Amino acid sequence: MSASIRQTAAAVALPLALGMTLTACGADTGSSGAAVKAGCKPIHTFSTVQDKQLTVAVYVSPPYSVQKPGGVFGGVDGDIIQRIAQMECLKLVEKPVAGAALIESVKSKRADVALGGIYRTPERAQILGLTSTLYRDGMAFIGKNKATTIEDVKGKTVGVIQGYLWNADLQKVLGSSHVKIYQSSDGLVSDLKNGRLDQGVLTTSEAGYRAQQNPAAKLQVGQVAPDARVAASTAPGEVVFALTKGNTKMLEAFDEDIQALLKNGAVAKALTGNGISASSAGS
């Protein structure tokens, strides 16, 4: 993408953690998917770290990736990777990792795939195999009343998360006294629900997910209209899977599988199932 939503700090830049210190995620034990059905015929042939299995490094970051009871992983990216593993007749083995270790897991060939809201960037493309775009992610307002433009929130108290790229621009446009910085989205959403905050600014994906997870609050999500004063609003990010650099056959297979899942509506279903508009699917 032409502009990252967050400032790059370290080798990995996730939509929900770019420019922020990344911490370890939940449990450190992996999970294995369902056994491959007898007689399953893969659509493609390519090599993997472990024969007949797809090893996936997961950075748990809802709604991109969610750890469910029993160690199973869901979320948008998690749902899509399950479909690809099924298409290729591979046993899915998922391992939660800290954000800072996510990309390194693939670079060092300990995992075939990294997922968790990874954005396409030129820097990342130099060291990883980046798939076709799964879906687009941008900047959104979330609040009791729907807002879609910077002008809509002028004079109001707007919450942001520490480290997001748009923070400085919003402080300039709205005034620092009107921009409240939170350490996590949990606190921001809590204040929205309790009326202590007028609007919050999150990625499009997380805003949709948070609204879905808090139905009683009746939070409204509005995509921020492009505004030259806030650079991050002008270019949405592209969420991809990161693969081992040089595994051309695997990258080609994933790209074809992703196109098939976009065409049959599976990606759209994964998005809507996690509170995100189906219109975000694809590039």
C-alpha atoms as a PDB file:
ATOM      1  CA  MET A   1       0.000   0.000   0.000  1.00  0.00           C
ATOM      2  CA  SER A   2       1.137   3.563  -0.531  1.00  0.00           C
ATOM      3  CA  ALA A   3       0.827   4.571   3.100  1.00  0.00           C
ATOM      4  CA  SER A   4       1.004   2.403   6.193  1.00  0.00           C
ATOM      5  CA  ILE A   5      -1.661   2.908   8.830  1.00  0.00           C
ATOM      6  CA  ARG A   6       0.954   2.757  11.521  1.00  0.00           C
ATOM      7  CA  GLN A   7       4.553   3.817  11.725  1.00  0.00           C
ATOM      8  CA  THR A   8       6.912   0.920  11.067  1.00  0.00           C
ATOM      9  CA  ALA A   9       8.821  -0.274  14.097  1.00  0.00           C
ATOM     10  CA  ALA A  10      10.648  -3.595  13.719  1.00  0.00           C
ATOM     11  CA  ALA A  11      10.350  -6.071  10.887  1.00  0.00           C
ATOM     12  CA  VAL A  12       6.671  -6.822  11.293  1.00  0.00           C
ATOM     13  CA  ALA A  13       3.946  -4.260  10.706  1.00  0.00           C
ATOM     14  CA  LEU A  14       0.471  -5.481  11.485  1.00  0.00           C
ATOM     15  CA  PRO A  15      -2.680  -3.449  11.005  1.00  0.00           C
ATOM     16  CA  LEU A  16      -3.328  -3.513  14.720  1.00  0.00           C
ATOM     17  CA  ALA A  17       0.241  -3.240  15.914  1.00  0.00           C
ATOM     18  CA  LEU A  18       2.302  -1.304  13.389  1.00  0.00           C
ATOM     19  CA  GLY A  19       4.516   1.106  15.253  1.00  0.00           C
ATOM     20  CA  MET A  20       3.546  -0.360  18.628  1.00  0.00           C
ATOM     21  CA  THR A  21       5.438  -2.713  20.920  1.00  0.00           C
ATOM     22  CA  LEU A  22       4.209  -6.218  20.219  1.00  0.00           C
ATOM     23  CA  THR A  23       3.693  -8.659  23.033  1.00  0.00           C
ATOM     24  CA  ALA A  24       3.306 -12.396  23.214  1.00  0.00           C
ATOM     25  CA  CYS A  25      -0.074 -13.840  22.426  1.00  0.00           C
ATOM     26  CA  GLY A  26      -2.121 -16.026  24.711  1.00  0.00           C
ATOM     27  CA  ALA A  27      -1.175 -19.666  24.819  1.00  0.00           C
ATOM     28  CA  ASP A  28       2.059 -20.803  23.224  1.00  0.00           C
ATOM     29  CA  THR A  29       0.855 -24.246  22.231  1.00  0.00           C
ATOM     30  CA  GLY A  30      -0.272 -24.961  18.704  1.00  0.00           C
ATOM     31  CA  SER A  31      -3.453 -26.490  17.419  1.00  0.00           C
ATOM     32  CA  SER A  32      -4.033 -29.062  14.722  1.00  0.00           C
ATOM     33  CA  GLY A  33      -6.923 -28.974  12.312  1.00  0.00           C
ATOM     34  CA  ALA A  34      -9.176 -31.828  11.325  1.00  0.00           C
ATOM     35  CA  ALA A  35      -7.577 -34.852   9.722  1.00  0.00           C
ATOM     36  CA  VAL A  36      -7.464 -34.814   5.937  1.00  0.00           C
ATOM     37  CA  LYS A  37     -10.240 -36.888   4.414  1.00  0.00           C
ATOM     38  CA  ALA A  38      -9.228 -40.165   2.808  1.00  0.00           C
ATOM     39  CA  GLY A  39      -8.966 -39.866  -0.951  1.00  0.00           C
ATOM     40  CA  CYS A  40      -8.612 -36.078  -0.856  1.00  0.00           C
ATOM     41  CA  LYS A  41      -7.041 -34.755  -4.055  1.00  0.00           C
ATOM     42  CA  PRO A  42      -5.167 -31.454  -3.726  1.00  0.00           C
ATOM     43  CA  ILE A  43      -5.701 -28.768  -6.326  1.00  0.00           C
ATOM     44  CA  HIS A  44      -1.971 -27.997  -6.470  1.00  0.00           C
ATOM     45  CA  THR A  45       1.347 -29.606  -5.604  1.00  0.00           C
ATOM     46  CA  PHE A  46       3.968 -27.708  -3.605  1.00  0.00           C
ATOM     47  CA  SER A  47       6.452 -28.339  -0.795  1.00  0.00           C
ATOM     48  CA  THR A  48       5.817 -27.475   2.865  1.00  0.00           C
ATOM     49  CA  VAL A  49       7.964 -27.396   5.999  1.00  0.00           C
ATOM     50  CA  GLN A  50       6.429 -30.686   7.140  1.00  0.00           C
ATOM     51  CA  ASP A  51       5.149 -33.151   4.579  1.00  0.00           C
ATOM     52  CA  LYS A  52       1.356 -33.239   4.208  1.00  0.00           C
ATOM     53  CA  GLN A  53       0.758 -30.424   6.671  1.00  0.00           C
ATOM     54  CA  LEU A  54       0.499 -26.647   6.525  1.00  0.00           C
ATOM     55  CA  THR A  55       2.315 -25.009   9.429  1.00  0.00           C
ATOM     56  CA  VAL A  56       0.932 -21.558  10.193  1.00  0.00           C
ATOM     57  CA  ALA A  57       2.354 -18.923  12.546  1.00  0.00           C
ATOM     58  CA  VAL A  58      -0.540 -16.912  13.990  1.00  0.00           C
ATOM     59  CA  TYR A  59      -0.460 -13.500  15.637  1.00  0.00           C
ATOM     60  CA  VAL A  60      -3.722 -13.400  17.603  1.00  0.00           C
ATOM     61  CA  SER A  61      -5.335 -10.073  16.759  1.00  0.00           C
ATOM     62  CA  PRO A  62      -9.149  -9.934  16.435  1.00  0.00           C
ATOM     63  CA  PRO A  63     -10.838  -9.798  14.011  1.00  0.00           C
ATOM     64  CA  TYR A  64      -7.960 -10.851  11.782  1.00  0.00           C
ATOM     65  CA  SER A  65      -7.165 -13.900  13.885  1.00  0.00           C
ATOM     66  CA  VAL A  66      -9.040 -15.155  16.939  1.00  0.00           C
ATOM     67  CA  GLN A  67      -8.150 -18.013  19.287  1.00  0.00           C
ATOM     68  CA  LYS A  68     -11.267 -19.987  20.075  1.00  0.00           C
ATOM     69  CA  PRO A  69     -11.921 -22.521  22.866  1.00  0.00           C
ATOM     70  CA  GLY A  70      -9.891 -25.662  22.352  1.00  0.00           C
ATOM     71  CA  GLY A  71      -7.042 -23.802  20.688  1.00  0.00           C
ATOM     72  CA  VAL A  72      -8.737 -23.547  17.296  1.00  0.00           C
ATOM     73  CA  PHE A  73      -8.114 -20.314  15.382  1.00  0.00           C
ATOM     74  CA  GLY A  74     -10.754 -18.296  13.587  1.00  0.00           C
ATOM     75  CA  GLY A  75     -11.116 -14.686  12.568  1.00  0.00           C
ATOM     76  CA  VAL A  76     -11.064 -13.555   8.950  1.00  0.00           C
ATOM     77  CA  ASP A  77      -7.552 -14.763   8.148  1.00  0.00           C
ATOM     78  CA  GLY A  78      -8.036 -17.918  10.205  1.00  0.00           C
ATOM     79  CA  ASP A  79     -11.232 -18.822   8.369  1.00  0.00           C
ATOM     80  CA  ILE A  80      -9.604 -18.326   4.969  1.00  0.00           C
ATOM     81  CA  ILE A  81      -6.495 -20.387   5.754  1.00  0.00           C
ATOM     82  CA  GLN A  82      -8.722 -23.269   6.864  1.00  0.00           C
ATOM     83  CA  ARG A  83     -10.366 -23.252   3.443  1.00  0.00           C
ATOM     84  CA  ILE A  84      -7.017 -23.268   1.646  1.00  0.00           C
ATOM     85  CA  ALA A  85      -5.740 -26.172   3.755  1.00  0.00           C
ATOM     86  CA  GLN A  86      -8.878 -28.124   2.845  1.00  0.00           C
ATOM     87  CA  MET A  87      -8.458 -27.330  -0.860  1.00  0.00           C
ATOM     88  CA  GLU A  88      -4.865 -28.558  -0.773  1.00  0.00           C
ATOM     89  CA  CYS A  89      -5.527 -31.639   1.403  1.00  0.00           C
ATOM     90  CA  LEU A  90      -3.112 -30.485   4.084  1.00  0.00           C
ATOM     91  CA  LYS A  91      -3.410 -30.953   7.834  1.00  0.00           C
ATOM     92  CA  LEU A  92      -3.503 -27.481   9.356  1.00  0.00           C
ATOM     93  CA  VAL A  93      -1.109 -26.935  12.271  1.00  0.00           C
ATOM     94  CA  GLU A  94      -1.365 -23.447  13.778  1.00  0.00           C
ATOM     95  CA  LYS A  95       1.085 -21.976  16.271  1.00  0.00           C
ATOM     96  CA  PRO A  96       0.431 -18.686  18.115  1.00  0.00           C
ATOM     97  CA  VAL A  97       3.485 -16.422  18.236  1.00  0.00           C
ATOM     98  CA  ALA A  98       4.374 -12.966  19.495  1.00  0.00           C
ATOM     99  CA  GLY A  99       3.968 -10.254  16.890  1.00  0.00           C
ATOM    100  CA  ALA A 100       7.704  -9.602  16.723  1.00  0.00           C
ATOM    101  CA  ALA A 101       8.308 -13.302  15.924  1.00  0.00           C
ATOM    102  CA  LEU A 102       5.622 -13.629  13.273  1.00  0.00           C
ATOM    103  CA  ILE A 103       7.595 -12.759  10.151  1.00  0.00           C
ATOM    104  CA  GLU A 104      10.758 -14.419  11.456  1.00  0.00           C
ATOM    105  CA  SER A 105       8.865 -17.723  11.777  1.00  0.00           C
ATOM    106  CA  VAL A 106       8.386 -17.765   8.015  1.00  0.00           C
ATOM    107  CA  LYS A 107      11.792 -16.312   7.125  1.00  0.00           C
ATOM    108  CA  SER A 108      13.518 -19.031   9.144  1.00  0.00           C
ATOM    109  CA  LYS A 109      11.245 -21.696   7.604  1.00  0.00           C
ATOM    110  CA  ARG A 110       9.747 -22.791  10.907  1.00  0.00           C
ATOM    111  CA  ALA A 111       6.347 -22.060   9.381  1.00  0.00           C
ATOM    112  CA  ASP A 112       4.943 -22.082   5.864  1.00  0.00           C
ATOM    113  CA  VAL A 113       2.578 -19.184   6.404  1.00  0.00           C
ATOM    114  CA  ALA A 114       2.232 -16.180   8.705  1.00  0.00           C
ATOM    115  CA  LEU A 115      -1.133 -14.546   9.318  1.00  0.00           C
ATOM    116  CA  GLY A 116      -2.758 -12.009  11.578  1.00  0.00           C
ATOM    117  CA  GLY A 117      -3.643  -8.907   9.590  1.00  0.00           C
ATOM    118  CA  ILE A 118      -0.375  -8.578   7.663  1.00  0.00           C
ATOM    119  CA  TYR A 119      -0.254  -5.633   5.266  1.00  0.00           C
ATOM    120  CA  ARG A 120       1.441  -5.641   1.883  1.00  0.00           C
ATOM    121  CA  THR A 121       4.453  -3.301   1.779  1.00  0.00           C
ATOM    122  CA  PRO A 122       7.382  -3.042  -0.660  1.00  0.00           C
ATOM    123  CA  GLU A 123       9.817  -3.752   2.184  1.00  0.00           C
ATOM    124  CA  ARG A 124       8.026  -6.926   3.154  1.00  0.00           C
ATOM    125  CA  ALA A 125       7.826  -8.125  -0.451  1.00  0.00           C
ATOM    126  CA  GLN A 126      11.628  -8.148  -0.584  1.00  0.00           C
ATOM    127  CA  ILE A 127      11.951 -10.783   2.141  1.00  0.00           C
ATOM    128  CA  LEU A 128       8.676 -12.721   1.921  1.00  0.00           C
ATOM    129  CA  GLY A 129       6.321 -14.224  -0.604  1.00  0.00           C
ATOM    130  CA  LEU A 130       3.172 -12.101  -0.329  1.00  0.00           C
ATOM    131  CA  THR A 131      -0.069 -13.521  -1.668  1.00  0.00           C
ATOM    132  CA  SER A 132      -2.820 -11.848  -3.626  1.00  0.00           C
ATOM    133  CA  THR A 133      -4.835  -9.398  -1.551  1.00  0.00           C
ATOM    134  CA  LEU A 134      -7.391 -11.090   0.696  1.00  0.00           C
ATOM    135  CA  TYR A 135      -9.226  -7.892   1.596  1.00  0.00           C
ATOM    136  CA  ARG A 136      -8.703  -4.173   2.082  1.00  0.00           C
ATOM    137  CA  ASP A 137      -8.495  -2.429   5.430  1.00  0.00           C
ATOM    138  CA  GLY A 138      -8.658   1.269   6.169  1.00  0.00           C
ATOM    139  CA  MET A 139      -9.530   3.888   8.761  1.00  0.00           C
ATOM    140  CA  ALA A 140     -12.954   4.044  10.399  1.00  0.00           C
ATOM    141  CA  PHE A 141     -14.885   6.022  12.972  1.00  0.00           C
ATOM    142  CA  ILE A 142     -16.883   4.138  15.604  1.00  0.00           C
ATOM    143  CA  GLY A 143     -19.397   5.740  17.964  1.00  0.00           C
ATOM    144  CA  LYS A 144     -23.015   6.021  19.071  1.00  0.00           C
ATOM    145  CA  ASN A 145     -23.612   8.356  16.115  1.00  0.00           C
ATOM    146  CA  LYS A 146     -22.247   7.594  12.670  1.00  0.00           C
ATOM    147  CA  ALA A 147     -19.441   9.797  11.374  1.00  0.00           C
ATOM    148  CA  THR A 148     -17.725   9.545   7.996  1.00  0.00           C
ATOM    149  CA  THR A 149     -15.709  12.739   7.563  1.00  0.00           C
ATOM    150  CA  ILE A 150     -13.126  14.615   9.588  1.00  0.00           C
ATOM    151  CA  GLU A 151     -15.527  17.558   9.708  1.00  0.00           C
ATOM    152  CA  ASP A 152     -18.139  15.306  11.368  1.00  0.00           C
ATOM    153  CA  VAL A 153     -15.946  14.946  14.462  1.00  0.00           C
ATOM    154  CA  LYS A 154     -14.605  18.482  14.806  1.00  0.00           C
ATOM    155  CA  GLY A 155     -15.247  19.833  18.287  1.00  0.00           C
ATOM    156  CA  LYS A 156     -15.833  16.326  19.664  1.00  0.00           C
ATOM    157  CA  THR A 157     -13.639  14.111  21.825  1.00  0.00           C
ATOM    158  CA  VAL A 158     -12.047  11.493  19.579  1.00  0.00           C
ATOM    159  CA  GLY A 159     -10.241   8.410  20.885  1.00  0.00           C
ATOM    160  CA  VAL A 160      -7.230   6.821  19.176  1.00  0.00           C
ATOM    161  CA  ILE A 161      -4.819   4.012  20.052  1.00  0.00           C
ATOM    162  CA  GLN A 162      -1.211   4.758  20.965  1.00  0.00           C
ATOM    163  CA  GLY A 163       1.075   4.342  17.953  1.00  0.00           C
ATOM    164  CA  TYR A 164      -1.407   4.708  15.099  1.00  0.00           C
ATOM    165  CA  LEU A 165      -0.095   6.721  12.157  1.00  0.00           C
ATOM    166  CA  TRP A 166      -3.147   8.971  11.967  1.00  0.00           C
ATOM    167  CA  ASN A 167      -2.764  10.221  15.537  1.00  0.00           C
ATOM    168  CA  ALA A 168      -0.465  13.154  14.766  1.00  0.00           C
ATOM    169  CA  ASP A 169      -2.559  14.293  11.807  1.00  0.00           C
ATOM    170  CA  LEU A 170      -5.763  14.165  13.847  1.00  0.00           C
ATOM    171  CA  GLN A 171      -4.147  16.168  16.635  1.00  0.00           C
ATOM    172  CA  LYS A 172      -3.178  18.860  14.120  1.00  0.00           C
ATOM    173  CA  VAL A 173      -6.596  18.986  12.466  1.00  0.00           C
ATOM    174  CA  LEU A 174      -8.838  18.533  15.515  1.00  0.00           C
ATOM    175  CA  GLY A 175      -6.568  19.966  18.201  1.00  0.00           C
ATOM    176  CA  SER A 176      -4.636  17.909  20.744  1.00  0.00           C
ATOM    177  CA  SER A 177      -7.181  18.632  23.473  1.00  0.00           C
ATOM    178  CA  HIS A 178      -9.856  16.855  21.416  1.00  0.00           C
ATOM    179  CA  VAL A 179      -7.809  13.690  20.784  1.00  0.00           C
ATOM    180  CA  LYS A 180      -7.616  11.179  23.630  1.00  0.00           C
ATOM    181  CA  ILE A 181      -4.944   8.484  23.356  1.00  0.00           C
ATOM    182  CA  TYR A 182      -5.623   4.972  24.674  1.00  0.00           C
ATOM    183  CA  GLN A 183      -3.218   2.098  25.236  1.00  0.00           C
ATOM    184  CA  SER A 184      -5.676  -0.443  23.853  1.00  0.00           C
ATOM    185  CA  SER A 185      -8.967  -0.590  21.995  1.00  0.00           C
ATOM    186  CA  ASP A 186     -10.632  -2.200  25.027  1.00  0.00           C
ATOM    187  CA  GLY A 187     -10.480   1.062  26.980  1.00  0.00           C
ATOM    188  CA  LEU A 188     -11.563   3.084  23.975  1.00  0.00           C
ATOM    189  CA  VAL A 189     -14.628   0.929  23.336  1.00  0.00           C
ATOM    190  CA  SER A 190     -15.520   0.927  27.035  1.00  0.00           C
ATOM    191  CA  ASP A 191     -15.567   4.739  27.065  1.00  0.00           C
ATOM    192  CA  LEU A 192     -17.694   4.817  23.901  1.00  0.00           C
ATOM    193  CA  LYS A 193     -20.226   2.507  25.520  1.00  0.00           C
ATOM    194  CA  ASN A 194     -20.320   4.580  28.714  1.00  0.00           C
ATOM    195  CA  GLY A 195     -20.652   7.921  26.917  1.00  0.00           C
ATOM    196  CA  ARG A 196     -17.240   9.232  27.985  1.00  0.00           C
ATOM    197  CA  LEU A 197     -16.062   9.452  24.378  1.00  0.00           C
ATOM    198  CA  ASP A 198     -17.807  10.791  21.266  1.00  0.00           C
ATOM    199  CA  GLN A 199     -15.964   8.865  18.554  1.00  0.00           C
ATOM    200  CA  GLY A 200     -13.151   6.358  18.264  1.00  0.00           C
ATOM    201  CA  VAL A 201     -10.823   5.751  15.323  1.00  0.00           C
ATOM    202  CA  LEU A 202      -9.832   2.156  14.544  1.00  0.00           C
ATOM    203  CA  THR A 203      -8.975   0.136  11.471  1.00  0.00           C
ATOM    204  CA  THR A 204     -12.057  -0.649   9.398  1.00  0.00           C
ATOM    205  CA  SER A 205     -11.827  -4.322  10.295  1.00  0.00           C
ATOM    206  CA  GLU A 206     -11.520  -3.841  14.043  1.00  0.00           C
ATOM    207  CA  ALA A 207     -14.231  -1.185  14.131  1.00  0.00           C
ATOM    208  CA  GLY A 208     -16.681  -3.573  12.472  1.00  0.00           C
ATOM    209  CA  TYR A 209     -15.662  -6.396  14.776  1.00  0.00           C
ATOM    210  CA  ARG A 210     -15.988  -4.267  17.923  1.00  0.00           C
ATOM    211  CA  ALA A 211     -19.451  -3.086  16.906  1.00  0.00           C
ATOM    212  CA  GLN A 212     -20.513  -6.680  16.279  1.00  0.00           C
ATOM    213  CA  GLN A 213     -19.167  -7.826  19.652  1.00  0.00           C
ATOM    214  CA  ASN A 214     -21.062  -5.084  21.518  1.00  0.00           C
ATOM    215  CA  PRO A 215     -24.591  -5.146  20.029  1.00  0.00           C
ATOM    216  CA  ALA A 216     -26.243  -3.585  23.088  1.00  0.00           C
ATOM    217  CA  ALA A 217     -24.122  -0.450  22.663  1.00  0.00           C
ATOM    218  CA  LYS A 218     -25.467   0.071  19.117  1.00  0.00           C
ATOM    219  CA  LEU A 219     -22.151   1.438  17.931  1.00  0.00           C
ATOM    220  CA  GLN A 220     -22.109   2.830  14.392  1.00  0.00           C
ATOM    221  CA  VAL A 221     -19.135   2.373  12.066  1.00  0.00           C
ATOM    222  CA  GLY A 222     -18.288   4.813   9.288  1.00  0.00           C
ATOM    223  CA  GLN A 223     -15.431   4.531   6.796  1.00  0.00           C
ATOM    224  CA  VAL A 224     -13.395   7.739   6.991  1.00  0.00           C
ATOM    225  CA  ALA A 225     -13.671   9.652   3.730  1.00  0.00           C
ATOM    226  CA  PRO A 226     -10.307  10.475   2.123  1.00  0.00           C
ATOM    227  CA  ASP A 227      -8.945  13.734   3.498  1.00  0.00           C
ATOM    228  CA  ALA A 228      -5.536  15.055   2.466  1.00  0.00           C
ATOM    229  CA  ARG A 229      -5.014  16.442   5.978  1.00  0.00           C
ATOM    230  CA  VAL A 230      -5.018  12.879   7.378  1.00  0.00           C
ATOM    231  CA  ALA A 231      -2.724  10.844   5.136  1.00  0.00           C
ATOM    232  CA  ALA A 232      -3.820   7.422   6.412  1.00  0.00           C
ATOM    233  CA  SER A 233      -7.364   8.079   5.207  1.00  0.00           C
ATOM    234  CA  THR A 234      -6.273   8.319   1.580  1.00  0.00           C
ATOM    235  CA  ALA A 235      -4.946   4.785   0.977  1.00  0.00           C
ATOM    236  CA  PRO A 236      -6.416   1.551   2.405  1.00  0.00           C
ATOM    237  CA  GLY A 237      -4.092  -1.275   3.358  1.00  0.00           C
ATOM    238  CA  GLU A 238      -4.088  -4.686   1.669  1.00  0.00           C
ATOM    239  CA  VAL A 239      -4.183  -7.722   3.971  1.00  0.00           C
ATOM    240  CA  VAL A 240      -2.242 -10.754   2.729  1.00  0.00           C
ATOM    241  CA  PHE A 241      -0.696 -14.041   3.834  1.00  0.00           C
ATOM    242  CA  ALA A 242       3.105 -14.070   4.142  1.00  0.00           C
ATOM    243  CA  LEU A 243       4.889 -17.145   2.771  1.00  0.00           C
ATOM    244  CA  THR A 244       8.486 -18.295   2.636  1.00  0.00           C
ATOM    245  CA  LYS A 245      10.396 -16.341   0.004  1.00  0.00           C
ATOM    246  CA  GLY A 246      11.295 -18.478  -3.001  1.00  0.00           C
ATOM    247  CA  ASN A 247       8.561 -21.119  -2.673  1.00  0.00           C
ATOM    248  CA  THR A 248       7.141 -20.097  -6.046  1.00  0.00           C
ATOM    249  CA  LYS A 249       4.834 -23.078  -6.463  1.00  0.00           C
ATOM    250  CA  MET A 250       3.232 -22.492  -3.085  1.00  0.00           C
ATOM    251  CA  LEU A 251       2.739 -18.790  -3.793  1.00  0.00           C
ATOM    252  CA  GLU A 252       1.161 -19.530  -7.171  1.00  0.00           C
ATOM    253  CA  ALA A 253      -1.119 -22.130  -5.570  1.00  0.00           C
ATOM    254  CA  PHE A 254      -2.211 -19.738  -2.819  1.00  0.00           C
ATOM    255  CA  ASP A 255      -2.897 -16.976  -5.322  1.00  0.00           C
ATOM    256  CA  GLU A 256      -5.109 -19.264  -7.400  1.00  0.00           C
ATOM    257  CA  ASP A 257      -6.885 -20.554  -4.291  1.00  0.00           C
ATOM    258  CA  ILE A 258      -7.499 -17.010  -3.051  1.00  0.00           C
ATOM    259  CA  GLN A 259      -8.977 -15.997  -6.391  1.00  0.00           C
ATOM    260  CA  ALA A 260     -11.285 -19.017  -6.240  1.00  0.00           C
ATOM    261  CA  LEU A 261     -12.377 -18.112  -2.697  1.00  0.00           C
ATOM    262  CA  LEU A 262     -13.007 -14.525  -3.741  1.00  0.00           C
ATOM    263  CA  LYS A 263     -15.073 -15.731  -6.683  1.00  0.00           C
ATOM    264  CA  ASN A 264     -17.195 -18.223  -4.717  1.00  0.00           C
ATOM    265  CA  GLY A 265     -17.875 -15.770  -1.892  1.00  0.00           C
ATOM    266  CA  ALA A 266     -15.877 -17.560   0.817  1.00  0.00           C
ATOM    267  CA  VAL A 267     -13.747 -14.489   1.572  1.00  0.00           C
ATOM    268  CA  ALA A 268     -16.850 -12.303   1.749  1.00  0.00           C
ATOM    269  CA  LYS A 269     -18.408 -14.813   4.144  1.00  0.00           C
ATOM    270  CA  ALA A 270     -15.309 -14.741   6.363  1.00  0.00           C
ATOM    271  CA  LEU A 271     -15.504 -10.951   6.445  1.00  0.00           C
ATOM    272  CA  THR A 272     -19.203 -10.650   7.260  1.00  0.00           C
ATOM    273  CA  GLY A 273     -18.877 -13.411   9.846  1.00  0.00           C
ATOM    274  CA  ASN A 274     -16.446 -11.170  11.699  1.00  0.00           C
ATOM    275  CA  GLY A 275     -18.410  -7.936  11.404  1.00  0.00           C
ATOM    276  CA  ILE A 276     -16.682  -6.560   8.293  1.00  0.00           C
ATOM    277  CA  SER A 277     -18.367  -5.468   5.077  1.00  0.00           C
ATOM    278  CA  ALA A 278     -18.148  -7.959   2.204  1.00  0.00           C
ATOM    279  CA  SER A 279     -17.274  -5.022  -0.054  1.00  0.00           C
ATOM    280  CA  SER A 280     -13.757  -5.087   1.435  1.00  0.00           C
ATOM    281  CA  ALA A 281     -12.963  -8.416  -0.255  1.00  0.00           C
ATOM    282  CA  GLY A 282     -10.141  -8.472  -2.796  1.00  0.00           C
ATOM    283  CA  SER A 283      -7.903  -5.700  -4.019  1.00  0.00           C
END
